[in-house]
Amino acid sequence: WDRLELPTQLYVEARADHCAELERCEPVVPGRRRAIVEAVLGAEVG
C-alpha cells in the first residue's frame, strides 16, 4: 500500500508485535491517514 501511495491505510491486527512493526514504518505519502488498532475480530462480541 505504501508503494502504491494510498493516502488512507487502516489496520486491525491481533498481534501486538505486528502493530508495533507498522508503527515503526516511516510514512511514504505526506499527509497520509494511517491508523492501527489491536483487536481480534469475529462475528460477535465475546
ModelCIF file with pLDDT and N, C-alpha, C, O atoms, coordinates in Angstrom:
data_MODEL
#
_entry.id   MODEL 
#
_entity.id                         1 
_entity.type                       polymer 
_entity.pdbx_number_of_molecules   1 
#
_entity_poly.entity_id                      1 
_entity_poly.type                           'polypeptide(L)' 
_entity_poly.nstd_linkage                   no 
_entity_poly.nstd_monomer                   no 
_entity_poly.pdbx_seq_one_letter_code       WDRLELPTQLYVEARADHCAELERCEPVVPGRRRAIVEAVLGAEVG 
_entity_poly.pdbx_seq_one_letter_code_can   WDRLELPTQLYVEARADHCAELERCEPVVPGRRRAIVEAVLGAEVG 
_entity_poly.pdbx_strand_id                 A 
#
loop_
_entity_poly_seq.entity_id 
_entity_poly_seq.num 
_entity_poly_seq.mon_id 
_entity_poly_seq.hetero 
1 1  TRP n 
1 2  ASP n 
1 3  ARG n 
1 4  LEU n 
1 5  GLU n 
1 6  LEU n 
1 7  PRO n 
1 8  THR n 
1 9  GLN n 
1 10 LEU n 
1 11 TYR n 
1 12 VAL n 
1 13 GLU n 
1 14 ALA n 
1 15 ARG n 
1 16 ALA n 
1 17 ASP n 
1 18 HIS n 
1 19 CYS n 
1 20 ALA n 
1 21 GLU n 
1 22 LEU n 
1 23 GLU n 
1 24 ARG n 
1 25 CYS n 
1 26 GLU n 
1 27 PRO n 
1 28 VAL n 
1 29 VAL n 
1 30 PRO n 
1 31 GLY n 
1 32 ARG n 
1 33 ARG n 
1 34 ARG n 
1 35 ALA n 
1 36 ILE n 
1 37 VAL n 
1 38 GLU n 
1 39 ALA n 
1 40 VAL n 
1 41 LEU n 
1 42 GLY n 
1 43 ALA n 
1 44 GLU n 
1 45 VAL n 
1 46 GLY n 
#
_struct_asym.id          A 
_struct_asym.entity_id   1 
#
loop_
_ma_qa_metric.id 
_ma_qa_metric.mode 
_ma_qa_metric.name 
_ma_qa_metric.software_group_id 
_ma_qa_metric.type 
1 global pLDDT . pLDDT 
2 local  pLDDT . pLDDT 
#
_ma_qa_metric_global.metric_id      1 
_ma_qa_metric_global.metric_value   85.28 
_ma_qa_metric_global.model_id       1 
_ma_qa_metric_global.ordinal_id     1 
#
loop_
_ma_qa_metric_local.label_asym_id 
_ma_qa_metric_local.label_comp_id 
_ma_qa_metric_local.label_seq_id 
_ma_qa_metric_local.metric_id 
_ma_qa_metric_local.metric_value 
_ma_qa_metric_local.model_id 
_ma_qa_metric_local.ordinal_id 
A TRP 1  2 91.00 1 1  
A ASP 2  2 87.00 1 2  
A ARG 3  2 89.00 1 3  
A LEU 4  2 91.00 1 4  
A GLU 5  2 89.00 1 5  
A LEU 6  2 90.00 1 6  
A PRO 7  2 89.00 1 7  
A THR 8  2 92.00 1 8  
A GLN 9  2 92.00 1 9  
A LEU 10 2 94.00 1 10 
A TYR 11 2 94.00 1 11 
A VAL 12 2 95.00 1 12 
A GLU 13 2 92.00 1 13 
A ALA 14 2 89.00 1 14 
A ARG 15 2 85.00 1 15 
A ALA 16 2 85.00 1 16 
A ASP 17 2 83.00 1 17 
A HIS 18 2 81.00 1 18 
A CYS 19 2 84.00 1 19 
A ALA 20 2 84.00 1 20 
A GLU 21 2 82.00 1 21 
A LEU 22 2 81.00 1 22 
A GLU 23 2 81.00 1 23 
A ARG 24 2 78.00 1 24 
A CYS 25 2 73.00 1 25 
A GLU 26 2 65.00 1 26 
A PRO 27 2 59.00 1 27 
A VAL 28 2 59.00 1 28 
A VAL 29 2 63.00 1 29 
A PRO 30 2 65.00 1 30 
A GLY 31 2 67.00 1 31 
A ARG 32 2 77.00 1 32 
A ARG 33 2 84.00 1 33 
A ARG 34 2 86.00 1 34 
A ALA 35 2 89.00 1 35 
A ILE 36 2 91.00 1 36 
A VAL 37 2 94.00 1 37 
A GLU 38 2 93.00 1 38 
A ALA 39 2 94.00 1 39 
A VAL 40 2 95.00 1 40 
A LEU 41 2 96.00 1 41 
A GLY 42 2 95.00 1 42 
A ALA 43 2 96.00 1 43 
A GLU 44 2 95.00 1 44 
A VAL 45 2 95.00 1 45 
A GLY 46 2 94.00 1 46 
#
loop_
_atom_site.group_PDB 
_atom_site.id 
_atom_site.type_symbol 
_atom_site.label_atom_id 
_atom_site.label_alt_id 
_atom_site.label_comp_id 
_atom_site.label_asym_id 
_atom_site.label_entity_id 
_atom_site.label_seq_id 
_atom_site.pdbx_PDB_ins_code 
_atom_site.Cartn_x 
_atom_site.Cartn_y 
_atom_site.Cartn_z 
_atom_site.occupancy 
_atom_site.B_iso_or_equiv 
_atom_site.pdbx_formal_charge 
_atom_site.auth_seq_id 
_atom_site.auth_comp_id 
_atom_site.auth_asym_id 
_atom_site.auth_atom_id 
_atom_site.pdbx_PDB_model_num 
ATOM 1   N N  . TRP A 1 1  ? 0.840   -1.206  0.000  1.00 91.00 ? 1  TRP A N  1 
ATOM 2   C CA . TRP A 1 1  ? 0.000   0.000   0.000  1.00 91.00 ? 1  TRP A CA 1 
ATOM 3   C C  . TRP A 1 1  ? 0.871   1.252   0.000  1.00 91.00 ? 1  TRP A C  1 
ATOM 4   O O  . TRP A 1 1  ? 0.496   2.265   -0.590 1.00 91.00 ? 1  TRP A O  1 
ATOM 5   N N  . ASP A 1 2  ? 2.037   1.193   0.658  1.00 87.00 ? 2  ASP A N  1 
ATOM 6   C CA . ASP A 1 2  ? 2.953   2.332   0.610  1.00 87.00 ? 2  ASP A CA 1 
ATOM 7   C C  . ASP A 1 2  ? 3.528   2.516   -0.788 1.00 87.00 ? 2  ASP A C  1 
ATOM 8   O O  . ASP A 1 2  ? 3.633   3.641   -1.276 1.00 87.00 ? 2  ASP A O  1 
ATOM 9   N N  . ARG A 1 3  ? 3.903   1.407   -1.438 1.00 89.00 ? 3  ARG A N  1 
ATOM 10  C CA . ARG A 1 3  ? 4.433   1.520   -2.800 1.00 89.00 ? 3  ARG A CA 1 
ATOM 11  C C  . ARG A 1 3  ? 3.396   2.131   -3.737 1.00 89.00 ? 3  ARG A C  1 
ATOM 12  O O  . ARG A 1 3  ? 3.739   2.878   -4.653 1.00 89.00 ? 3  ARG A O  1 
ATOM 13  N N  . LEU A 1 4  ? 2.126   1.809   -3.500 1.00 91.00 ? 4  LEU A N  1 
ATOM 14  C CA . LEU A 1 4  ? 1.053   2.346   -4.338 1.00 91.00 ? 4  LEU A CA 1 
ATOM 15  C C  . LEU A 1 4  ? 0.609   3.736   -3.888 1.00 91.00 ? 4  LEU A C  1 
ATOM 16  O O  . LEU A 1 4  ? -0.249  4.352   -4.521 1.00 91.00 ? 4  LEU A O  1 
ATOM 17  N N  . GLU A 1 5  ? 1.197   4.232   -2.792 1.00 89.00 ? 5  GLU A N  1 
ATOM 18  C CA . GLU A 1 5  ? 0.952   5.586   -2.291 1.00 89.00 ? 5  GLU A CA 1 
ATOM 19  C C  . GLU A 1 5  ? -0.515  5.834   -1.965 1.00 89.00 ? 5  GLU A C  1 
ATOM 20  O O  . GLU A 1 5  ? -1.066  6.883   -2.298 1.00 89.00 ? 5  GLU A O  1 
ATOM 21  N N  . LEU A 1 6  ? -1.142  4.859   -1.309 1.00 90.00 ? 6  LEU A N  1 
ATOM 22  C CA . LEU A 1 6  ? -2.532  5.047   -0.894 1.00 90.00 ? 6  LEU A CA 1 
ATOM 23  C C  . LEU A 1 6  ? -2.593  6.064   0.243  1.00 90.00 ? 6  LEU A C  1 
ATOM 24  O O  . LEU A 1 6  ? -1.866  5.932   1.227  1.00 90.00 ? 6  LEU A O  1 
ATOM 25  N N  . PRO A 1 7  ? -3.435  7.057   0.122  1.00 89.00 ? 7  PRO A N  1 
ATOM 26  C CA . PRO A 1 7  ? -3.462  8.102   1.160  1.00 89.00 ? 7  PRO A CA 1 
ATOM 27  C C  . PRO A 1 7  ? -4.133  7.675   2.457  1.00 89.00 ? 7  PRO A C  1 
ATOM 28  O O  . PRO A 1 7  ? -3.898  8.288   3.499  1.00 89.00 ? 7  PRO A O  1 
ATOM 29  N N  . THR A 1 8  ? -4.977  6.619   2.418  1.00 92.00 ? 8  THR A N  1 
ATOM 30  C CA . THR A 1 8  ? -5.657  6.155   3.626  1.00 92.00 ? 8  THR A CA 1 
ATOM 31  C C  . THR A 1 8  ? -5.372  4.678   3.836  1.00 92.00 ? 8  THR A C  1 
ATOM 32  O O  . THR A 1 8  ? -5.687  3.853   2.979  1.00 92.00 ? 8  THR A O  1 
ATOM 33  N N  . GLN A 1 9  ? -4.775  4.344   4.977  1.00 92.00 ? 9  GLN A N  1 
ATOM 34  C CA . GLN A 1 9  ? -4.425  2.962   5.300  1.00 92.00 ? 9  GLN A CA 1 
ATOM 35  C C  . GLN A 1 9  ? -4.808  2.703   6.759  1.00 92.00 ? 9  GLN A C  1 
ATOM 36  O O  . GLN A 1 9  ? -4.253  3.306   7.678  1.00 92.00 ? 9  GLN A O  1 
ATOM 37  N N  . LEU A 1 10 ? -5.769  1.794   6.952  1.00 94.00 ? 10 LEU A N  1 
ATOM 38  C CA . LEU A 1 10 ? -6.202  1.428   8.296  1.00 94.00 ? 10 LEU A CA 1 
ATOM 39  C C  . LEU A 1 10 ? -5.923  -0.049  8.517  1.00 94.00 ? 10 LEU A C  1 
ATOM 40  O O  . LEU A 1 10 ? -6.139  -0.863  7.619  1.00 94.00 ? 10 LEU A O  1 
ATOM 41  N N  . TYR A 1 11 ? -5.446  -0.399  9.702  1.00 94.00 ? 11 TYR A N  1 
ATOM 42  C CA . TYR A 1 11 ? -5.077  -1.777  10.003 1.00 94.00 ? 11 TYR A CA 1 
ATOM 43  C C  . TYR A 1 11 ? -5.733  -2.219  11.311 1.00 94.00 ? 11 TYR A C  1 
ATOM 44  O O  . TYR A 1 11 ? -5.750  -1.485  12.298 1.00 94.00 ? 11 TYR A O  1 
ATOM 45  N N  . VAL A 1 12 ? -6.272  -3.438  11.288 1.00 95.00 ? 12 VAL A N  1 
ATOM 46  C CA . VAL A 1 12 ? -6.750  -4.090  12.513 1.00 95.00 ? 12 VAL A CA 1 
ATOM 47  C C  . VAL A 1 12 ? -5.979  -5.390  12.624 1.00 95.00 ? 12 VAL A C  1 
ATOM 48  O O  . VAL A 1 12 ? -6.097  -6.256  11.758 1.00 95.00 ? 12 VAL A O  1 
ATOM 49  N N  . GLU A 1 13 ? -5.196  -5.537  13.673 1.00 92.00 ? 13 GLU A N  1 
ATOM 50  C CA . GLU A 1 13 ? -4.255  -6.650  13.798 1.00 92.00 ? 13 GLU A CA 1 
ATOM 51  C C  . GLU A 1 13 ? -4.344  -7.242  15.195 1.00 92.00 ? 13 GLU A C  1 
ATOM 52  O O  . GLU A 1 13 ? -4.443  -6.516  16.184 1.00 92.00 ? 13 GLU A O  1 
ATOM 53  N N  . ALA A 1 14 ? -4.307  -8.581  15.266 1.00 89.00 ? 14 ALA A N  1 
ATOM 54  C CA . ALA A 1 14 ? -4.432  -9.275  16.553 1.00 89.00 ? 14 ALA A CA 1 
ATOM 55  C C  . ALA A 1 14 ? -3.134  -9.248  17.349 1.00 89.00 ? 14 ALA A C  1 
ATOM 56  O O  . ALA A 1 14 ? -3.165  -9.304  18.578 1.00 89.00 ? 14 ALA A O  1 
ATOM 57  N N  . ARG A 1 15 ? -1.991  -9.163  16.664 1.00 85.00 ? 15 ARG A N  1 
ATOM 58  C CA . ARG A 1 15 ? -0.699  -9.320  17.349 1.00 85.00 ? 15 ARG A CA 1 
ATOM 59  C C  . ARG A 1 15 ? -0.067  -7.972  17.644 1.00 85.00 ? 15 ARG A C  1 
ATOM 60  O O  . ARG A 1 15 ? 0.030   -7.109  16.772 1.00 85.00 ? 15 ARG A O  1 
ATOM 61  N N  . ALA A 1 16 ? 0.364   -7.805  18.901 1.00 85.00 ? 16 ALA A N  1 
ATOM 62  C CA . ALA A 1 16 ? 0.963   -6.538  19.312 1.00 85.00 ? 16 ALA A CA 1 
ATOM 63  C C  . ALA A 1 16 ? 2.267   -6.267  18.582 1.00 85.00 ? 16 ALA A C  1 
ATOM 64  O O  . ALA A 1 16 ? 2.562   -5.113  18.272 1.00 85.00 ? 16 ALA A O  1 
ATOM 65  N N  . ASP A 1 17 ? 3.078   -7.323  18.292 1.00 83.00 ? 17 ASP A N  1 
ATOM 66  C CA . ASP A 1 17 ? 4.355   -7.087  17.626 1.00 83.00 ? 17 ASP A CA 1 
ATOM 67  C C  . ASP A 1 17 ? 4.147   -6.604  16.196 1.00 83.00 ? 17 ASP A C  1 
ATOM 68  O O  . ASP A 1 17 ? 4.924   -5.788  15.701 1.00 83.00 ? 17 ASP A O  1 
ATOM 69  N N  . HIS A 1 18 ? 3.100   -7.102  15.520 1.00 81.00 ? 18 HIS A N  1 
ATOM 70  C CA . HIS A 1 18 ? 2.803   -6.606  14.178 1.00 81.00 ? 18 HIS A CA 1 
ATOM 71  C C  . HIS A 1 18 ? 2.358   -5.146  14.220 1.00 81.00 ? 18 HIS A C  1 
ATOM 72  O O  . HIS A 1 18 ? 2.727   -4.350  13.357 1.00 81.00 ? 18 HIS A O  1 
ATOM 73  N N  . CYS A 1 19 ? 1.566   -4.806  15.227 1.00 84.00 ? 19 CYS A N  1 
ATOM 74  C CA . CYS A 1 19 ? 1.147   -3.413  15.374 1.00 84.00 ? 19 CYS A CA 1 
ATOM 75  C C  . CYS A 1 19 ? 2.353   -2.506  15.589 1.00 84.00 ? 19 CYS A C  1 
ATOM 76  O O  . CYS A 1 19 ? 2.431   -1.422  15.011 1.00 84.00 ? 19 CYS A O  1 
ATOM 77  N N  . ALA A 1 20 ? 3.295   -2.953  16.426 1.00 84.00 ? 20 ALA A N  1 
ATOM 78  C CA . ALA A 1 20 ? 4.494   -2.161  16.687 1.00 84.00 ? 20 ALA A CA 1 
ATOM 79  C C  . ALA A 1 20 ? 5.340   -2.014  15.426 1.00 84.00 ? 20 ALA A C  1 
ATOM 80  O O  . ALA A 1 20 ? 5.919   -0.957  15.178 1.00 84.00 ? 20 ALA A O  1 
ATOM 81  N N  . GLU A 1 21 ? 5.406   -3.082  14.632 1.00 82.00 ? 21 GLU A N  1 
ATOM 82  C CA . GLU A 1 21 ? 6.164   -3.023  13.384 1.00 82.00 ? 21 GLU A CA 1 
ATOM 83  C C  . GLU A 1 21 ? 5.570   -2.004  12.418 1.00 82.00 ? 21 GLU A C  1 
ATOM 84  O O  . GLU A 1 21 ? 6.301   -1.264  11.758 1.00 82.00 ? 21 GLU A O  1 
ATOM 85  N N  . LEU A 1 22 ? 4.260   -1.971  12.339 1.00 81.00 ? 22 LEU A N  1 
ATOM 86  C CA . LEU A 1 22 ? 3.601   -0.990  11.474 1.00 81.00 ? 22 LEU A CA 1 
ATOM 87  C C  . LEU A 1 22 ? 3.819   0.433   11.985 1.00 81.00 ? 22 LEU A C  1 
ATOM 88  O O  . LEU A 1 22 ? 3.997   1.364   11.200 1.00 81.00 ? 22 LEU A O  1 
ATOM 89  N N  . GLU A 1 23 ? 3.802   0.587   13.307 1.00 81.00 ? 23 GLU A N  1 
ATOM 90  C CA . GLU A 1 23 ? 4.017   1.919   13.891 1.00 81.00 ? 23 GLU A CA 1 
ATOM 91  C C  . GLU A 1 23 ? 5.403   2.457   13.537 1.00 81.00 ? 23 GLU A C  1 
ATOM 92  O O  . GLU A 1 23 ? 5.581   3.665   13.378 1.00 81.00 ? 23 GLU A O  1 
ATOM 93  N N  . ARG A 1 24 ? 6.376   1.563   13.415 1.00 78.00 ? 24 ARG A N  1 
ATOM 94  C CA . ARG A 1 24 ? 7.746   1.991   13.140 1.00 78.00 ? 24 ARG A CA 1 
ATOM 95  C C  . ARG A 1 24 ? 7.959   2.389   11.681 1.00 78.00 ? 24 ARG A C  1 
ATOM 96  O O  . ARG A 1 24 ? 8.930   3.078   11.369 1.00 78.00 ? 24 ARG A O  1 
ATOM 97  N N  . CYS A 1 25 ? 7.079   1.972   10.798 1.00 73.00 ? 25 CYS A N  1 
ATOM 98  C CA . CYS A 1 25 ? 7.255   2.263   9.373  1.00 73.00 ? 25 CYS A CA 1 
ATOM 99  C C  . CYS A 1 25 ? 7.117   3.761   9.126  1.00 73.00 ? 25 CYS A C  1 
ATOM 100 O O  . CYS A 1 25 ? 6.172   4.397   9.594  1.00 73.00 ? 25 CYS A O  1 
ATOM 101 N N  . GLU A 1 26 ? 8.079   4.315   8.381  1.00 65.00 ? 26 GLU A N  1 
ATOM 102 C CA . GLU A 1 26 ? 8.016   5.728   8.039  1.00 65.00 ? 26 GLU A CA 1 
ATOM 103 C C  . GLU A 1 26 ? 6.972   5.952   6.954  1.00 65.00 ? 26 GLU A C  1 
ATOM 104 O O  . GLU A 1 26 ? 6.894   5.165   6.011  1.00 65.00 ? 26 GLU A O  1 
ATOM 105 N N  . PRO A 1 27 ? 6.163   7.012   7.064  1.00 59.00 ? 27 PRO A N  1 
ATOM 106 C CA . PRO A 1 27 ? 5.164   7.291   6.032  1.00 59.00 ? 27 PRO A CA 1 
ATOM 107 C C  . PRO A 1 27 ? 5.819   7.655   4.707  1.00 59.00 ? 27 PRO A C  1 
ATOM 108 O O  . PRO A 1 27 ? 6.798   8.401   4.668  1.00 59.00 ? 27 PRO A O  1 
ATOM 109 N N  . VAL A 1 28 ? 5.267   7.119   3.625  1.00 59.00 ? 28 VAL A N  1 
ATOM 110 C CA . VAL A 1 28 ? 5.758   7.410   2.284  1.00 59.00 ? 28 VAL A CA 1 
ATOM 111 C C  . VAL A 1 28 ? 4.986   8.561   1.668  1.00 59.00 ? 28 VAL A C  1 
ATOM 112 O O  . VAL A 1 28 ? 5.563   9.386   0.959  1.00 59.00 ? 28 VAL A O  1 
ATOM 113 N N  . VAL A 1 29 ? 3.691   8.628   1.928  1.00 63.00 ? 29 VAL A N  1 
ATOM 114 C CA . VAL A 1 29 ? 2.834   9.658   1.357  1.00 63.00 ? 29 VAL A CA 1 
ATOM 115 C C  . VAL A 1 29 ? 2.654   10.778  2.382  1.00 63.00 ? 29 VAL A C  1 
ATOM 116 O O  . VAL A 1 29 ? 2.103   10.532  3.454  1.00 63.00 ? 29 VAL A O  1 
ATOM 117 N N  . PRO A 1 30 ? 3.102   12.000  2.085  1.00 65.00 ? 30 PRO A N  1 
ATOM 118 C CA . PRO A 1 30 ? 2.889   13.104  3.029  1.00 65.00 ? 30 PRO A CA 1 
ATOM 119 C C  . PRO A 1 30 ? 1.406   13.307  3.292  1.00 65.00 ? 30 PRO A C  1 
ATOM 120 O O  . PRO A 1 30 ? 0.593   13.303  2.368  1.00 65.00 ? 30 PRO A O  1 
ATOM 121 N N  . GLY A 1 31 ? 1.062   13.486  4.562  1.00 67.00 ? 31 GLY A N  1 
ATOM 122 C CA . GLY A 1 31 ? -0.326  13.706  4.912  1.00 67.00 ? 31 GLY A CA 1 
ATOM 123 C C  . GLY A 1 31 ? -1.183  12.458  4.885  1.00 67.00 ? 31 GLY A C  1 
ATOM 124 O O  . GLY A 1 31 ? -2.409  12.542  4.961  1.00 67.00 ? 31 GLY A O  1 
ATOM 125 N N  . ARG A 1 32 ? -0.553  11.307  4.779  1.00 77.00 ? 32 ARG A N  1 
ATOM 126 C CA . ARG A 1 32 ? -1.311  10.056  4.745  1.00 77.00 ? 32 ARG A CA 1 
ATOM 127 C C  . ARG A 1 32 ? -2.068  9.836   6.056  1.00 77.00 ? 32 ARG A C  1 
ATOM 128 O O  . ARG A 1 32 ? -1.555  10.115  7.140  1.00 77.00 ? 32 ARG A O  1 
ATOM 129 N N  . ARG A 1 33 ? -3.290  9.334   5.937  1.00 84.00 ? 33 ARG A N  1 
ATOM 130 C CA . ARG A 1 33 ? -4.074  8.977   7.126  1.00 84.00 ? 33 ARG A CA 1 
ATOM 131 C C  . ARG A 1 33 ? -3.846  7.508   7.418  1.00 84.00 ? 33 ARG A C  1 
ATOM 132 O O  . ARG A 1 33 ? -4.191  6.639   6.618  1.00 84.00 ? 33 ARG A O  1 
ATOM 133 N N  . ARG A 1 34 ? -3.257  7.241   8.586  1.00 86.00 ? 34 ARG A N  1 
ATOM 134 C CA . ARG A 1 34 ? -2.943  5.859   8.950  1.00 86.00 ? 34 ARG A CA 1 
ATOM 135 C C  . ARG A 1 34 ? -3.362  5.617   10.380 1.00 86.00 ? 34 ARG A C  1 
ATOM 136 O O  . ARG A 1 34 ? -3.077  6.425   11.264 1.00 86.00 ? 34 ARG A O  1 
ATOM 137 N N  . ALA A 1 35 ? -4.048  4.493   10.612 1.00 89.00 ? 35 ALA A N  1 
ATOM 138 C CA . ALA A 1 35 ? -4.470  4.131   11.964 1.00 89.00 ? 35 ALA A CA 1 
ATOM 139 C C  . ALA A 1 35 ? -4.260  2.637   12.148 1.00 89.00 ? 35 ALA A C  1 
ATOM 140 O O  . ALA A 1 35 ? -4.488  1.852   11.227 1.00 89.00 ? 35 ALA A O  1 
ATOM 141 N N  . ILE A 1 36 ? -3.821  2.246   13.345 1.00 91.00 ? 36 ILE A N  1 
ATOM 142 C CA . ILE A 1 36 ? -3.551  0.852   13.661 1.00 91.00 ? 36 ILE A CA 1 
ATOM 143 C C  . ILE A 1 36 ? -4.298  0.504   14.942 1.00 91.00 ? 36 ILE A C  1 
ATOM 144 O O  . ILE A 1 36 ? -4.110  1.150   15.973 1.00 91.00 ? 36 ILE A O  1 
ATOM 145 N N  . VAL A 1 37 ? -5.145  -0.517  14.873 1.00 94.00 ? 37 VAL A N  1 
ATOM 146 C CA . VAL A 1 37 ? -5.947  -0.935  16.023 1.00 94.00 ? 37 VAL A CA 1 
ATOM 147 C C  . VAL A 1 37 ? -5.597  -2.382  16.343 1.00 94.00 ? 37 VAL A C  1 
ATOM 148 O O  . VAL A 1 37 ? -5.612  -3.240  15.460 1.00 94.00 ? 37 VAL A O  1 
ATOM 149 N N  . GLU A 1 38 ? -5.280  -2.650  17.611 1.00 93.00 ? 38 GLU A N  1 
ATOM 150 C CA . GLU A 1 38 ? -5.006  -4.022  18.041 1.00 93.00 ? 38 GLU A CA 1 
ATOM 151 C C  . GLU A 1 38 ? -6.313  -4.652  18.514 1.00 93.00 ? 38 GLU A C  1 
ATOM 152 O O  . GLU A 1 38 ? -6.880  -4.237  19.525 1.00 93.00 ? 38 GLU A O  1 
ATOM 153 N N  . ALA A 1 39 ? -6.786  -5.654  17.777 1.00 94.00 ? 39 ALA A N  1 
ATOM 154 C CA . ALA A 1 39 ? -8.044  -6.311  18.124 1.00 94.00 ? 39 ALA A CA 1 
ATOM 155 C C  . ALA A 1 39 ? -8.155  -7.627  17.373 1.00 94.00 ? 39 ALA A C  1 
ATOM 156 O O  . ALA A 1 39 ? -7.566  -7.804  16.307 1.00 94.00 ? 39 ALA A O  1 
ATOM 157 N N  . VAL A 1 40 ? -8.930  -8.559  17.956 1.00 95.00 ? 40 VAL A N  1 
ATOM 158 C CA . VAL A 1 40 ? -9.254  -9.826  17.299 1.00 95.00 ? 40 VAL A CA 1 
ATOM 159 C C  . VAL A 1 40 ? -10.725 -9.754  16.899 1.00 95.00 ? 40 VAL A C  1 
ATOM 160 O O  . VAL A 1 40 ? -11.587 -9.521  17.747 1.00 95.00 ? 40 VAL A O  1 
ATOM 161 N N  . LEU A 1 41 ? -11.017 -9.951  15.621 1.00 96.00 ? 41 LEU A N  1 
ATOM 162 C CA . LEU A 1 41 ? -12.374 -9.775  15.118 1.00 96.00 ? 41 LEU A CA 1 
ATOM 163 C C  . LEU A 1 41 ? -13.057 -11.105 14.852 1.00 96.00 ? 41 LEU A C  1 
ATOM 164 O O  . LEU A 1 41 ? -12.423 -12.092 14.480 1.00 96.00 ? 41 LEU A O  1 
ATOM 165 N N  . GLY A 1 42 ? -14.373 -11.103 15.054 1.00 95.00 ? 42 GLY A N  1 
ATOM 166 C CA . GLY A 1 42 ? -15.186 -12.271 14.751 1.00 95.00 ? 42 GLY A CA 1 
ATOM 167 C C  . GLY A 1 42 ? -16.577 -11.839 14.339 1.00 95.00 ? 42 GLY A C  1 
ATOM 168 O O  . GLY A 1 42 ? -16.793 -10.686 13.965 1.00 95.00 ? 42 GLY A O  1 
ATOM 169 N N  . ALA A 1 43 ? -17.525 -12.770 14.407 1.00 96.00 ? 43 ALA A N  1 
ATOM 170 C CA . ALA A 1 43 ? -18.895 -12.473 14.016 1.00 96.00 ? 43 ALA A CA 1 
ATOM 171 C C  . ALA A 1 43 ? -19.683 -11.805 15.137 1.00 96.00 ? 43 ALA A C  1 
ATOM 172 O O  . ALA A 1 43 ? -20.653 -11.095 14.871 1.00 96.00 ? 43 ALA A O  1 
ATOM 173 N N  . GLU A 1 44 ? -19.276 -12.024 16.390 1.00 95.00 ? 44 GLU A N  1 
ATOM 174 C CA . GLU A 1 44 ? -19.979 -11.464 17.530 1.00 95.00 ? 44 GLU A CA 1 
ATOM 175 C C  . GLU A 1 44 ? -18.969 -11.018 18.589 1.00 95.00 ? 44 GLU A C  1 
ATOM 176 O O  . GLU A 1 44 ? -17.831 -11.485 18.622 1.00 95.00 ? 44 GLU A O  1 
ATOM 177 N N  . VAL A 1 45 ? -19.410 -10.112 19.442 1.00 95.00 ? 45 VAL A N  1 
ATOM 178 C CA . VAL A 1 45 ? -18.589 -9.693  20.582 1.00 95.00 ? 45 VAL A CA 1 
ATOM 179 C C  . VAL A 1 45 ? -18.582 -10.821 21.607 1.00 95.00 ? 45 VAL A C  1 
ATOM 180 O O  . VAL A 1 45 ? -19.622 -11.409 21.903 1.00 95.00 ? 45 VAL A O  1 
ATOM 181 N N  . GLY A 1 46 ? -17.397 -11.119 22.148 1.00 94.00 ? 46 GLY A N  1 
ATOM 182 C CA . GLY A 1 46 ? -17.305 -12.197 23.129 1.00 94.00 ? 46 GLY A CA 1 
ATOM 183 C C  . GLY A 1 46 ? -15.863 -12.500 23.452 1.00 94.00 ? 46 GLY A C  1 
ATOM 184 O O  . GLY A 1 46 ? -15.584 -13.383 24.263 1.00 94.00 ? 46 GLY A O  1 
#
